[in-house]
Amino acid sequence: EAFWHEERELWHQVSTYPYKPFVMWGNPVLHGRFVNYDQTEFGVIRRTANLQPACPNVVWIFGGSTMMGQGAPDDMTVASYLSHELNSGSAKCAAVVNLGADAYDNNQELVLFLELLKSGKRPSMAVFYDGVNEAVVGVREPAGARAFYDETGIRNKLETRSSVLTALRDVLAKTYSVQLTRTVLQRLHLQKTEVDERWAPRTPMQQQQIANDILDNYEANLKMICALARESGFPVFFFWQPIIYYGGKPLDSFESHLLLNDPDDGSYPAVYREAERRAPGQYVFLGRLLDHVIQPLYIDPLHISPDGNRMAAEKIAQAIREAR
């Protein structure tokens, strides 16, 4: 309960996320008992447990909130479990740097990766843990796979002229009297009901087209990341993460409730089917990682619990060991 209280306090600060050039936003500095974001040479990043600062083997790991560690204490994130795996037994030491940031998709990670290389920094290897945000952005943002989370909202803020009349209009539009009038007019068919196209059901053909766009964009990013890594002389690994909408995991009552309250029209499964089809030789598909796990692991449709993080970290470590 103490952890979740601290986690909720963090989310109260979401609106204060600092602006960061080219990637739009970064992590806030935060220090608590369970959750810590430290100012470092890489910017503000989530603290990794079992850190090996003196180790010459540095591992950069990129991703969104799932890599950042939403829903987990510092020592139970994917990064911390990976640090434990890579530093256990007779394995060489590894200093794991968690570069995950809330809501980042692979487009932003590519830019962050490039900026770090331009600054002269070099890792021993890099890991990218993606899939969820690529699907969410590609399915829900009008700009599609080449956008970032809430691109529409940020675009509107930048393109709307700020004035007293604009502010007054926005305030009035949210009043009960205006909303009631709109509802009455819509029911009398005197005003057209506004429909957000992002949430309108799609045909199977539309879903497949969106899936193709998302994976085409993802593969293009991977090619650029691989080229940069080759030029800089280190290996890079890619992983496509689990989501509650895809796979054969037995769902308990809580997980079933999550799906009931956040249904999908089939768009996310279409993206994941295409991602699984294209994975061989390019990235490790973990969309079926939890298929045979009976215990509840999802804390919401997009994020898994610390036990799920540990399972993902074990798979990532296995792939790294096999490549050595």
C-alpha atoms as a PDB file:
ATOM      1  CA  GLU A   1       0.000   0.000   0.000  1.00  0.00           C
ATOM      2  CA  ALA A   2       2.895   2.325   0.750  1.00  0.00           C
ATOM      3  CA  PHE A   3       4.319   1.727  -2.731  1.00  0.00           C
ATOM      4  CA  TRP A   4       1.019   2.391  -4.497  1.00  0.00           C
ATOM      5  CA  HIS A   5       0.567   5.596  -2.519  1.00  0.00           C
ATOM      6  CA  GLU A   6       3.965   6.743  -3.755  1.00  0.00           C
ATOM      7  CA  GLU A   7       3.154   5.620  -7.319  1.00  0.00           C
ATOM      8  CA  ARG A   8      -0.074   7.661  -7.286  1.00  0.00           C
ATOM      9  CA  GLU A   9       1.834  10.708  -6.085  1.00  0.00           C
ATOM     10  CA  LEU A  10       4.119  10.346  -9.108  1.00  0.00           C
ATOM     11  CA  TRP A  11       1.178  10.377 -11.498  1.00  0.00           C
ATOM     12  CA  HIS A  12      -0.026  13.620  -9.962  1.00  0.00           C
ATOM     13  CA  GLN A  13       3.164  15.090 -11.439  1.00  0.00           C
ATOM     14  CA  VAL A  14       2.541  13.910 -15.002  1.00  0.00           C
ATOM     15  CA  SER A  15       1.461  17.398 -16.075  1.00  0.00           C
ATOM     16  CA  THR A  16       4.845  18.735 -14.923  1.00  0.00           C
ATOM     17  CA  TYR A  17       6.956  16.449 -17.104  1.00  0.00           C
ATOM     18  CA  PRO A  18       9.814  18.628 -18.370  1.00  0.00           C
ATOM     19  CA  TYR A  19      10.164  19.537 -22.037  1.00  0.00           C
ATOM     20  CA  LYS A  20      13.083  17.802 -23.752  1.00  0.00           C
ATOM     21  CA  PRO A  21      14.310  18.848 -27.215  1.00  0.00           C
ATOM     22  CA  PHE A  22      13.349  16.574 -30.123  1.00  0.00           C
ATOM     23  CA  VAL A  23      11.705  13.878 -27.938  1.00  0.00           C
ATOM     24  CA  MET A  24       9.095  16.290 -26.466  1.00  0.00           C
ATOM     25  CA  TRP A  25       9.289  15.325 -22.768  1.00  0.00           C
ATOM     26  CA  GLY A  26      11.537  13.649 -20.224  1.00  0.00           C
ATOM     27  CA  ASN A  27      11.326  12.194 -16.728  1.00  0.00           C
ATOM     28  CA  PRO A  28      10.881  14.391 -13.639  1.00  0.00           C
ATOM     29  CA  VAL A  29      13.396  14.266 -10.793  1.00  0.00           C
ATOM     30  CA  LEU A  30      11.772  12.270  -7.990  1.00  0.00           C
ATOM     31  CA  HIS A  31      13.079  10.700  -4.820  1.00  0.00           C
ATOM     32  CA  GLY A  32      10.982   8.430  -2.645  1.00  0.00           C
ATOM     33  CA  ARG A  33      11.188   5.234  -0.685  1.00  0.00           C
ATOM     34  CA  PHE A  34      10.298   2.963  -3.616  1.00  0.00           C
ATOM     35  CA  VAL A  35      10.481   5.118  -6.770  1.00  0.00           C
ATOM     36  CA  ASN A  36      13.479   7.258  -7.720  1.00  0.00           C
ATOM     37  CA  TYR A  37      14.409   9.264 -10.801  1.00  0.00           C
ATOM     38  CA  ASP A  38      17.957  10.628 -10.635  1.00  0.00           C
ATOM     39  CA  GLN A  39      19.735  13.413 -12.499  1.00  0.00           C
ATOM     40  CA  THR A  40      22.645  11.747 -14.332  1.00  0.00           C
ATOM     41  CA  GLU A  41      24.941  12.301 -17.290  1.00  0.00           C
ATOM     42  CA  PHE A  42      22.175  10.719 -19.404  1.00  0.00           C
ATOM     43  CA  GLY A  43      19.519  13.102 -18.132  1.00  0.00           C
ATOM     44  CA  VAL A  44      16.871  12.175 -15.565  1.00  0.00           C
ATOM     45  CA  ILE A  45      16.487   8.378 -15.519  1.00  0.00           C
ATOM     46  CA  ARG A  46      14.855   5.710 -13.359  1.00  0.00           C
ATOM     47  CA  ARG A  47      17.176   4.240 -10.757  1.00  0.00           C
ATOM     48  CA  THR A  48      18.460   0.719 -11.470  1.00  0.00           C
ATOM     49  CA  ALA A  49      18.963  -1.593  -8.501  1.00  0.00           C
ATOM     50  CA  ASN A  50      22.170  -3.631  -8.341  1.00  0.00           C
ATOM     51  CA  LEU A  51      23.926  -0.948 -10.376  1.00  0.00           C
ATOM     52  CA  GLN A  52      27.588  -1.598 -11.208  1.00  0.00           C
ATOM     53  CA  PRO A  53      28.969   1.933 -11.742  1.00  0.00           C
ATOM     54  CA  ALA A  54      32.593   0.795 -11.982  1.00  0.00           C
ATOM     55  CA  CYS A  55      31.854  -1.802 -14.655  1.00  0.00           C
ATOM     56  CA  PRO A  56      33.203  -0.955 -18.136  1.00  0.00           C
ATOM     57  CA  ASN A  57      30.377  -2.915 -19.812  1.00  0.00           C
ATOM     58  CA  VAL A  58      27.510  -0.425 -20.093  1.00  0.00           C
ATOM     59  CA  VAL A  59      24.084  -1.543 -21.312  1.00  0.00           C
ATOM     60  CA  TRP A  60      21.622   1.084 -22.551  1.00  0.00           C
ATOM     61  CA  ILE A  61      17.992  -0.005 -22.440  1.00  0.00           C
ATOM     62  CA  PHE A  62      15.218   1.957 -24.158  1.00  0.00           C
ATOM     63  CA  GLY A  63      11.449   1.790 -23.951  1.00  0.00           C
ATOM     64  CA  GLY A  64       8.294   3.440 -22.690  1.00  0.00           C
ATOM     65  CA  SER A  65       6.641   3.256 -19.280  1.00  0.00           C
ATOM     66  CA  THR A  66       6.937  -0.540 -19.243  1.00  0.00           C
ATOM     67  CA  MET A  67      10.728  -0.244 -19.373  1.00  0.00           C
ATOM     68  CA  MET A  68      10.711   2.850 -17.180  1.00  0.00           C
ATOM     69  CA  GLY A  69       8.985   0.718 -14.548  1.00  0.00           C
ATOM     70  CA  GLN A  70       5.415   1.898 -14.084  1.00  0.00           C
ATOM     71  CA  GLY A  71       3.766  -0.182 -11.380  1.00  0.00           C
ATOM     72  CA  ALA A  72       7.031  -1.477  -9.875  1.00  0.00           C
ATOM     73  CA  PRO A  73       9.522  -0.374  -7.205  1.00  0.00           C
ATOM     74  CA  ASP A  74      13.077   0.453  -8.269  1.00  0.00           C
ATOM     75  CA  ASP A  75      14.356  -3.079  -7.642  1.00  0.00           C
ATOM     76  CA  MET A  76      11.527  -4.783  -9.602  1.00  0.00           C
ATOM     77  CA  THR A  77      11.702  -3.052 -12.976  1.00  0.00           C
ATOM     78  CA  VAL A  78      12.802  -4.852 -16.149  1.00  0.00           C
ATOM     79  CA  ALA A  79      16.078  -2.914 -15.933  1.00  0.00           C
ATOM     80  CA  SER A  80      16.814  -3.972 -12.355  1.00  0.00           C
ATOM     81  CA  TYR A  81      15.978  -7.619 -13.017  1.00  0.00           C
ATOM     82  CA  LEU A  82      18.160  -7.505 -16.136  1.00  0.00           C
ATOM     83  CA  SER A  83      20.996  -6.046 -14.070  1.00  0.00           C
ATOM     84  CA  HIS A  84      20.635  -8.940 -11.643  1.00  0.00           C
ATOM     85  CA  GLU A  85      20.675 -11.473 -14.503  1.00  0.00           C
ATOM     86  CA  LEU A  86      23.700  -9.975 -16.264  1.00  0.00           C
ATOM     87  CA  ASN A  87      25.697  -9.714 -13.036  1.00  0.00           C
ATOM     88  CA  SER A  88      24.925 -13.155 -11.613  1.00  0.00           C
ATOM     89  CA  GLY A  89      27.171 -16.200 -11.527  1.00  0.00           C
ATOM     90  CA  SER A  90      30.319 -16.107 -13.621  1.00  0.00           C
ATOM     91  CA  ALA A  91      28.889 -13.589 -16.083  1.00  0.00           C
ATOM     92  CA  LYS A  92      30.815 -10.429 -16.852  1.00  0.00           C
ATOM     93  CA  CYS A  93      29.658  -7.362 -14.972  1.00  0.00           C
ATOM     94  CA  ALA A  94      27.180  -5.013 -16.630  1.00  0.00           C
ATOM     95  CA  ALA A  95      26.105  -1.484 -15.729  1.00  0.00           C
ATOM     96  CA  VAL A  96      22.477  -1.214 -16.873  1.00  0.00           C
ATOM     97  CA  VAL A  97      21.274   2.311 -17.705  1.00  0.00           C
ATOM     98  CA  ASN A  98      17.467   2.591 -17.815  1.00  0.00           C
ATOM     99  CA  LEU A  99      16.636   5.134 -20.547  1.00  0.00           C
ATOM    100  CA  GLY A 100      12.916   4.297 -20.558  1.00  0.00           C
ATOM    101  CA  ALA A 101      10.509   7.239 -20.414  1.00  0.00           C
ATOM    102  CA  ASP A 102       6.766   7.391 -19.995  1.00  0.00           C
ATOM    103  CA  ALA A 103       4.816   6.888 -23.243  1.00  0.00           C
ATOM    104  CA  TYR A 104       7.913   6.867 -25.483  1.00  0.00           C
ATOM    105  CA  ASP A 105       7.549   4.987 -28.739  1.00  0.00           C
ATOM    106  CA  ASN A 106      10.368   3.768 -30.967  1.00  0.00           C
ATOM    107  CA  ASN A 107      10.341   7.013 -32.953  1.00  0.00           C
ATOM    108  CA  GLN A 108      11.381   8.953 -29.850  1.00  0.00           C
ATOM    109  CA  GLU A 109      13.822   6.254 -28.760  1.00  0.00           C
ATOM    110  CA  LEU A 110      15.611   6.483 -32.121  1.00  0.00           C
ATOM    111  CA  VAL A 111      16.047  10.230 -31.640  1.00  0.00           C
ATOM    112  CA  LEU A 112      17.236   9.810 -28.043  1.00  0.00           C
ATOM    113  CA  PHE A 113      19.662   7.099 -29.181  1.00  0.00           C
ATOM    114  CA  LEU A 114      21.038   9.398 -31.873  1.00  0.00           C
ATOM    115  CA  GLU A 115      21.411  12.333 -29.470  1.00  0.00           C
ATOM    116  CA  LEU A 116      23.370  10.206 -26.994  1.00  0.00           C
ATOM    117  CA  LEU A 117      25.726   9.021 -29.733  1.00  0.00           C
ATOM    118  CA  LYS A 118      26.182  12.584 -30.973  1.00  0.00           C
ATOM    119  CA  SER A 119      27.237  13.595 -27.458  1.00  0.00           C
ATOM    120  CA  GLY A 120      30.119  11.113 -27.661  1.00  0.00           C
ATOM    121  CA  LYS A 121      28.699   8.423 -25.371  1.00  0.00           C
ATOM    122  CA  ARG A 122      29.028   4.755 -26.317  1.00  0.00           C
ATOM    123  CA  PRO A 123      27.527   1.670 -24.642  1.00  0.00           C
ATOM    124  CA  SER A 124      28.781  -1.909 -24.783  1.00  0.00           C
ATOM    125  CA  MET A 125      25.334  -2.866 -26.110  1.00  0.00           C
ATOM    126  CA  ALA A 126      21.836  -1.431 -26.454  1.00  0.00           C
ATOM    127  CA  VAL A 127      18.422  -3.017 -25.846  1.00  0.00           C
ATOM    128  CA  PHE A 128      15.055  -1.774 -27.150  1.00  0.00           C
ATOM    129  CA  TYR A 129      11.832  -3.027 -25.499  1.00  0.00           C
ATOM    130  CA  ASP A 130       8.834  -1.947 -27.573  1.00  0.00           C
ATOM    131  CA  GLY A 131       5.454  -2.902 -28.984  1.00  0.00           C
ATOM    132  CA  VAL A 132       2.766  -1.460 -26.721  1.00  0.00           C
ATOM    133  CA  ASN A 133       3.281   2.230 -27.501  1.00  0.00           C
ATOM    134  CA  GLU A 134       3.883   1.518 -31.182  1.00  0.00           C
ATOM    135  CA  ALA A 135       0.457  -0.145 -31.268  1.00  0.00           C
ATOM    136  CA  VAL A 136      -1.284   2.547 -29.191  1.00  0.00           C
ATOM    137  CA  VAL A 137       0.132   5.456 -31.194  1.00  0.00           C
ATOM    138  CA  GLY A 138      -0.383   3.799 -34.569  1.00  0.00           C
ATOM    139  CA  VAL A 139      -3.957   2.805 -33.776  1.00  0.00           C
ATOM    140  CA  ARG A 140      -5.132   5.937 -31.949  1.00  0.00           C
ATOM    141  CA  GLU A 141      -3.213   8.925 -33.281  1.00  0.00           C
ATOM    142  CA  PRO A 142      -4.509  10.444 -36.550  1.00  0.00           C
ATOM    143  CA  ALA A 143      -0.929  11.009 -37.722  1.00  0.00           C
ATOM    144  CA  GLY A 144      -0.370   7.269 -37.429  1.00  0.00           C
ATOM    145  CA  ALA A 145       2.777   5.259 -36.804  1.00  0.00           C
ATOM    146  CA  ARG A 146       5.190   8.161 -37.343  1.00  0.00           C
ATOM    147  CA  ALA A 147       3.700  10.213 -34.512  1.00  0.00           C
ATOM    148  CA  PHE A 148       4.085  10.084 -30.736  1.00  0.00           C
ATOM    149  CA  TYR A 149       1.647   9.818 -27.850  1.00  0.00           C
ATOM    150  CA  ASP A 150      -0.924  12.672 -27.684  1.00  0.00           C
ATOM    151  CA  GLU A 151       0.461  14.171 -30.890  1.00  0.00           C
ATOM    152  CA  THR A 152      -3.014  15.556 -31.596  1.00  0.00           C
ATOM    153  CA  GLY A 153      -3.281  17.346 -28.249  1.00  0.00           C
ATOM    154  CA  ILE A 154       0.205  18.826 -28.472  1.00  0.00           C
ATOM    155  CA  ARG A 155      -0.373  19.887 -32.092  1.00  0.00           C
ATOM    156  CA  ASN A 156      -3.602  21.677 -31.136  1.00  0.00           C
ATOM    157  CA  LYS A 157      -1.873  23.571 -28.343  1.00  0.00           C
ATOM    158  CA  LEU A 158       0.882  24.723 -30.703  1.00  0.00           C
ATOM    159  CA  GLU A 159      -1.396  25.664 -33.593  1.00  0.00           C
ATOM    160  CA  THR A 160      -4.173  27.405 -31.635  1.00  0.00           C
ATOM    161  CA  ARG A 161      -3.736  31.131 -31.095  1.00  0.00           C
ATOM    162  CA  SER A 162      -3.815  31.934 -27.412  1.00  0.00           C
ATOM    163  CA  SER A 163      -6.243  34.735 -26.521  1.00  0.00           C
ATOM    164  CA  VAL A 164      -8.853  35.706 -23.953  1.00  0.00           C
ATOM    165  CA  LEU A 165     -11.629  34.807 -26.408  1.00  0.00           C
ATOM    166  CA  THR A 166     -10.091  31.381 -27.051  1.00  0.00           C
ATOM    167  CA  ALA A 167      -9.784  30.705 -23.333  1.00  0.00           C
ATOM    168  CA  LEU A 168     -13.349  31.889 -22.732  1.00  0.00           C
ATOM    169  CA  ARG A 169     -14.638  29.664 -25.528  1.00  0.00           C
ATOM    170  CA  ASP A 170     -12.891  26.629 -24.024  1.00  0.00           C
ATOM    171  CA  VAL A 171     -14.325  27.363 -20.573  1.00  0.00           C
ATOM    172  CA  LEU A 172     -17.859  27.855 -21.910  1.00  0.00           C
ATOM    173  CA  ALA A 173     -17.665  24.683 -23.962  1.00  0.00           C
ATOM    174  CA  LYS A 174     -17.133  22.721 -20.742  1.00  0.00           C
ATOM    175  CA  THR A 175     -20.052  24.235 -18.813  1.00  0.00           C
ATOM    176  CA  TYR A 176     -23.051  22.056 -18.009  1.00  0.00           C
ATOM    177  CA  SER A 177     -25.457  24.403 -19.796  1.00  0.00           C
ATOM    178  CA  VAL A 178     -23.566  24.190 -23.112  1.00  0.00           C
ATOM    179  CA  GLN A 179     -23.135  20.427 -22.811  1.00  0.00           C
ATOM    180  CA  LEU A 180     -26.850  20.003 -22.002  1.00  0.00           C
ATOM    181  CA  THR A 181     -27.846  22.137 -24.979  1.00  0.00           C
ATOM    182  CA  ARG A 182     -25.634  20.057 -27.287  1.00  0.00           C
ATOM    183  CA  THR A 183     -27.129  16.829 -25.948  1.00  0.00           C
ATOM    184  CA  VAL A 184     -30.705  18.066 -26.490  1.00  0.00           C
ATOM    185  CA  LEU A 185     -29.934  19.243 -30.036  1.00  0.00           C
ATOM    186  CA  GLN A 186     -28.264  15.938 -30.874  1.00  0.00           C
ATOM    187  CA  ARG A 187     -31.227  13.960 -29.576  1.00  0.00           C
ATOM    188  CA  LEU A 188     -33.561  16.133 -31.647  1.00  0.00           C
ATOM    189  CA  HIS A 189     -31.226  15.506 -34.606  1.00  0.00           C
ATOM    190  CA  LEU A 190     -30.665  19.251 -34.950  1.00  0.00           C
ATOM    191  CA  GLN A 191     -26.921  18.957 -34.361  1.00  0.00           C
ATOM    192  CA  LYS A 192     -24.619  16.243 -35.668  1.00  0.00           C
ATOM    193  CA  THR A 193     -23.071  14.046 -32.974  1.00  0.00           C
ATOM    194  CA  GLU A 194     -19.322  14.514 -32.810  1.00  0.00           C
ATOM    195  CA  VAL A 195     -17.456  11.238 -33.250  1.00  0.00           C
ATOM    196  CA  ASP A 196     -13.762  10.837 -32.473  1.00  0.00           C
ATOM    197  CA  GLU A 197     -12.484   8.853 -35.452  1.00  0.00           C
ATOM    198  CA  ARG A 198      -9.669   7.445 -33.306  1.00  0.00           C
ATOM    199  CA  TRP A 199     -12.218   5.313 -31.423  1.00  0.00           C
ATOM    200  CA  ALA A 200     -14.505   4.373 -34.314  1.00  0.00           C
ATOM    201  CA  PRO A 201     -14.628   0.617 -35.108  1.00  0.00           C
ATOM    202  CA  ARG A 202     -12.462  -0.416 -38.054  1.00  0.00           C
ATOM    203  CA  THR A 203     -12.934  -3.073 -40.679  1.00  0.00           C
ATOM    204  CA  PRO A 204     -10.449  -5.983 -40.818  1.00  0.00           C
ATOM    205  CA  MET A 205      -8.934  -4.428 -43.948  1.00  0.00           C
ATOM    206  CA  GLN A 206      -8.406  -1.101 -42.141  1.00  0.00           C
ATOM    207  CA  GLN A 207      -6.906  -2.895 -39.159  1.00  0.00           C
ATOM    208  CA  GLN A 208      -4.442  -4.728 -41.379  1.00  0.00           C
ATOM    209  CA  GLN A 209      -3.436  -1.501 -43.129  1.00  0.00           C
ATOM    210  CA  ILE A 210      -2.748   0.145 -39.761  1.00  0.00           C
ATOM    211  CA  ALA A 211      -0.743  -2.901 -38.680  1.00  0.00           C
ATOM    212  CA  ASN A 212       1.323  -2.756 -41.867  1.00  0.00           C
ATOM    213  CA  ASP A 213       2.036   0.965 -41.379  1.00  0.00           C
ATOM    214  CA  ILE A 214       3.120   0.413 -37.761  1.00  0.00           C
ATOM    215  CA  LEU A 215       5.453  -2.468 -38.588  1.00  0.00           C
ATOM    216  CA  ASP A 216       6.848  -0.749 -41.706  1.00  0.00           C
ATOM    217  CA  ASN A 217       7.747   2.253 -39.558  1.00  0.00           C
ATOM    218  CA  TYR A 218       9.176   0.052 -36.798  1.00  0.00           C
ATOM    219  CA  GLU A 219      11.351  -1.894 -39.237  1.00  0.00           C
ATOM    220  CA  ALA A 220      12.627   1.346 -40.782  1.00  0.00           C
ATOM    221  CA  ASN A 221      13.620   2.570 -37.317  1.00  0.00           C
ATOM    222  CA  LEU A 222      15.367  -0.723 -36.569  1.00  0.00           C
ATOM    223  CA  LYS A 223      17.451  -0.452 -39.740  1.00  0.00           C
ATOM    224  CA  MET A 224      18.634   3.041 -38.761  1.00  0.00           C
ATOM    225  CA  ILE A 225      19.387   1.984 -35.182  1.00  0.00           C
ATOM    226  CA  CYS A 226      21.358  -1.039 -36.428  1.00  0.00           C
ATOM    227  CA  ALA A 227      23.334   1.128 -38.851  1.00  0.00           C
ATOM    228  CA  LEU A 228      24.236   3.578 -36.097  1.00  0.00           C
ATOM    229  CA  ALA A 229      25.211   0.739 -33.757  1.00  0.00           C
ATOM    230  CA  ARG A 230      27.417  -0.921 -36.401  1.00  0.00           C
ATOM    231  CA  GLU A 231      29.124   2.377 -37.125  1.00  0.00           C
ATOM    232  CA  SER A 232      29.745   2.857 -33.400  1.00  0.00           C
ATOM    233  CA  GLY A 233      30.899  -0.720 -32.830  1.00  0.00           C
ATOM    234  CA  PHE A 234      28.413  -2.367 -30.450  1.00  0.00           C
ATOM    235  CA  PRO A 235      25.539  -4.884 -30.735  1.00  0.00           C
ATOM    236  CA  VAL A 236      21.867  -3.991 -30.377  1.00  0.00           C
ATOM    237  CA  PHE A 237      18.887  -6.163 -29.400  1.00  0.00           C
ATOM    238  CA  PHE A 238      15.169  -5.641 -29.999  1.00  0.00           C
ATOM    239  CA  PHE A 239      12.187  -7.129 -28.135  1.00  0.00           C
ATOM    240  CA  TRP A 240       8.430  -6.834 -28.771  1.00  0.00           C
ATOM    241  CA  GLN A 241       6.626  -6.883 -25.417  1.00  0.00           C
ATOM    242  CA  PRO A 242       3.357  -8.492 -24.186  1.00  0.00           C
ATOM    243  CA  ILE A 243      -0.079  -6.830 -24.170  1.00  0.00           C
ATOM    244  CA  ILE A 244      -3.300  -8.128 -22.618  1.00  0.00           C
ATOM    245  CA  TYR A 245      -5.162  -8.016 -25.961  1.00  0.00           C
ATOM    246  CA  TYR A 246      -2.998 -10.688 -27.590  1.00  0.00           C
ATOM    247  CA  GLY A 247      -1.864 -14.199 -26.782  1.00  0.00           C
ATOM    248  CA  GLY A 248      -3.302 -17.087 -24.844  1.00  0.00           C
ATOM    249  CA  LYS A 249      -2.704 -16.105 -21.232  1.00  0.00           C
ATOM    250  CA  PRO A 250      -5.430 -17.453 -18.917  1.00  0.00           C
ATOM    251  CA  LEU A 251      -7.051 -14.321 -17.449  1.00  0.00           C
ATOM    252  CA  ASP A 252      -8.218 -14.184 -13.856  1.00  0.00           C
ATOM    253  CA  SER A 253     -11.275 -12.149 -12.783  1.00  0.00           C
ATOM    254  CA  PHE A 254      -9.283  -8.911 -12.414  1.00  0.00           C
ATOM    255  CA  GLU A 255      -7.615  -9.225 -15.823  1.00  0.00           C
ATOM    256  CA  SER A 256     -10.961 -10.100 -17.417  1.00  0.00           C
ATOM    257  CA  HIS A 257     -12.409  -6.983 -15.791  1.00  0.00           C
ATOM    258  CA  LEU A 258      -9.627  -4.922 -17.363  1.00  0.00           C
ATOM    259  CA  LEU A 259     -10.626  -6.133 -20.822  1.00  0.00           C
ATOM    260  CA  LEU A 260     -14.317  -5.564 -20.110  1.00  0.00           C
ATOM    261  CA  ASN A 261     -13.684  -1.931 -19.168  1.00  0.00           C
ATOM    262  CA  ASP A 262     -11.171  -1.233 -21.943  1.00  0.00           C
ATOM    263  CA  PRO A 263     -12.395  -3.247 -24.953  1.00  0.00           C
ATOM    264  CA  ASP A 264     -10.618  -3.364 -28.298  1.00  0.00           C
ATOM    265  CA  ASP A 265     -12.188  -3.627 -31.760  1.00  0.00           C
ATOM    266  CA  GLY A 266      -9.481  -6.012 -32.952  1.00  0.00           C
ATOM    267  CA  SER A 267      -6.911  -3.386 -33.951  1.00  0.00           C
ATOM    268  CA  TYR A 268      -4.332  -4.330 -31.319  1.00  0.00           C
ATOM    269  CA  PRO A 269      -4.455  -8.076 -32.109  1.00  0.00           C
ATOM    270  CA  ALA A 270      -4.013  -7.207 -35.796  1.00  0.00           C
ATOM    271  CA  VAL A 271      -0.845  -5.249 -34.971  1.00  0.00           C
ATOM    272  CA  TYR A 272       0.516  -8.053 -32.809  1.00  0.00           C
ATOM    273  CA  ARG A 273      -0.218 -10.746 -35.392  1.00  0.00           C
ATOM    274  CA  GLU A 274       1.733  -8.752 -37.953  1.00  0.00           C
ATOM    275  CA  ALA A 275       4.553  -8.152 -35.452  1.00  0.00           C
ATOM    276  CA  GLU A 276       4.775 -11.874 -34.703  1.00  0.00           C
ATOM    277  CA  ARG A 277       4.820 -12.707 -38.431  1.00  0.00           C
ATOM    278  CA  ARG A 278       7.689 -10.305 -39.161  1.00  0.00           C
ATOM    279  CA  ALA A 279       9.794 -11.009 -36.053  1.00  0.00           C
ATOM    280  CA  PRO A 280      12.146 -13.812 -37.196  1.00  0.00           C
ATOM    281  CA  GLY A 281      15.624 -12.484 -37.853  1.00  0.00           C
ATOM    282  CA  GLN A 282      14.795  -8.944 -36.728  1.00  0.00           C
ATOM    283  CA  TYR A 283      13.604  -8.948 -33.115  1.00  0.00           C
ATOM    284  CA  VAL A 284      12.461 -11.287 -30.348  1.00  0.00           C
ATOM    285  CA  PHE A 285       8.667 -11.466 -30.139  1.00  0.00           C
ATOM    286  CA  LEU A 286       7.554 -11.686 -26.490  1.00  0.00           C
ATOM    287  CA  GLY A 287       3.860 -11.218 -27.214  1.00  0.00           C
ATOM    288  CA  ARG A 288       3.256 -14.815 -26.086  1.00  0.00           C
ATOM    289  CA  LEU A 289       5.618 -14.700 -23.100  1.00  0.00           C
ATOM    290  CA  LEU A 290       2.766 -15.076 -20.591  1.00  0.00           C
ATOM    291  CA  ASP A 291       0.608 -17.570 -22.503  1.00  0.00           C
ATOM    292  CA  HIS A 292       0.990 -20.391 -19.971  1.00  0.00           C
ATOM    293  CA  VAL A 293       1.130 -18.300 -16.791  1.00  0.00           C
ATOM    294  CA  ILE A 294      -1.971 -18.778 -14.647  1.00  0.00           C
ATOM    295  CA  GLN A 295      -1.217 -16.174 -11.978  1.00  0.00           C
ATOM    296  CA  PRO A 296      -2.481 -12.611 -12.638  1.00  0.00           C
ATOM    297  CA  LEU A 297       0.285 -10.450 -14.127  1.00  0.00           C
ATOM    298  CA  TYR A 298      -1.408  -7.444 -15.751  1.00  0.00           C
ATOM    299  CA  ILE A 299      -1.960  -4.375 -13.586  1.00  0.00           C
ATOM    300  CA  ASP A 300      -3.706  -2.656 -16.512  1.00  0.00           C
ATOM    301  CA  PRO A 301      -4.105  -3.612 -20.206  1.00  0.00           C
ATOM    302  CA  LEU A 302      -0.609  -2.345 -21.079  1.00  0.00           C
ATOM    303  CA  HIS A 303       1.566  -2.927 -17.994  1.00  0.00           C
ATOM    304  CA  ILE A 304       2.624  -6.109 -16.233  1.00  0.00           C
ATOM    305  CA  SER A 305       3.500  -6.712 -12.597  1.00  0.00           C
ATOM    306  CA  PRO A 306       7.012  -7.155 -11.156  1.00  0.00           C
ATOM    307  CA  ASP A 307       6.764 -10.924 -11.742  1.00  0.00           C
ATOM    308  CA  GLY A 308       6.071 -10.208 -15.412  1.00  0.00           C
ATOM    309  CA  ASN A 309       9.017  -7.809 -15.515  1.00  0.00           C
ATOM    310  CA  ARG A 310      11.261 -10.558 -14.146  1.00  0.00           C
ATOM    311  CA  MET A 311      10.094 -13.003 -16.831  1.00  0.00           C
ATOM    312  CA  ALA A 312      10.754 -10.438 -19.577  1.00  0.00           C
ATOM    313  CA  ALA A 313      14.208  -9.642 -18.161  1.00  0.00           C
ATOM    314  CA  GLU A 314      15.104 -13.345 -18.121  1.00  0.00           C
ATOM    315  CA  LYS A 315      14.218 -13.638 -21.818  1.00  0.00           C
ATOM    316  CA  ILE A 316      16.236 -10.533 -22.657  1.00  0.00           C
ATOM    317  CA  ALA A 317      19.248 -11.845 -20.722  1.00  0.00           C
ATOM    318  CA  GLN A 318      18.941 -15.224 -22.440  1.00  0.00           C
ATOM    319  CA  ALA A 319      19.017 -13.615 -25.884  1.00  0.00           C
ATOM    320  CA  ILE A 320      22.066 -11.549 -24.935  1.00  0.00           C
ATOM    321  CA  ARG A 321      23.938 -14.604 -23.605  1.00  0.00           C
ATOM    322  CA  GLU A 322      23.149 -16.641 -26.714  1.00  0.00           C
ATOM    323  CA  ALA A 323      24.532 -13.867 -28.920  1.00  0.00           C
ATOM    324  CA  ARG A 324      27.852 -13.637 -27.100  1.00  0.00           C
END
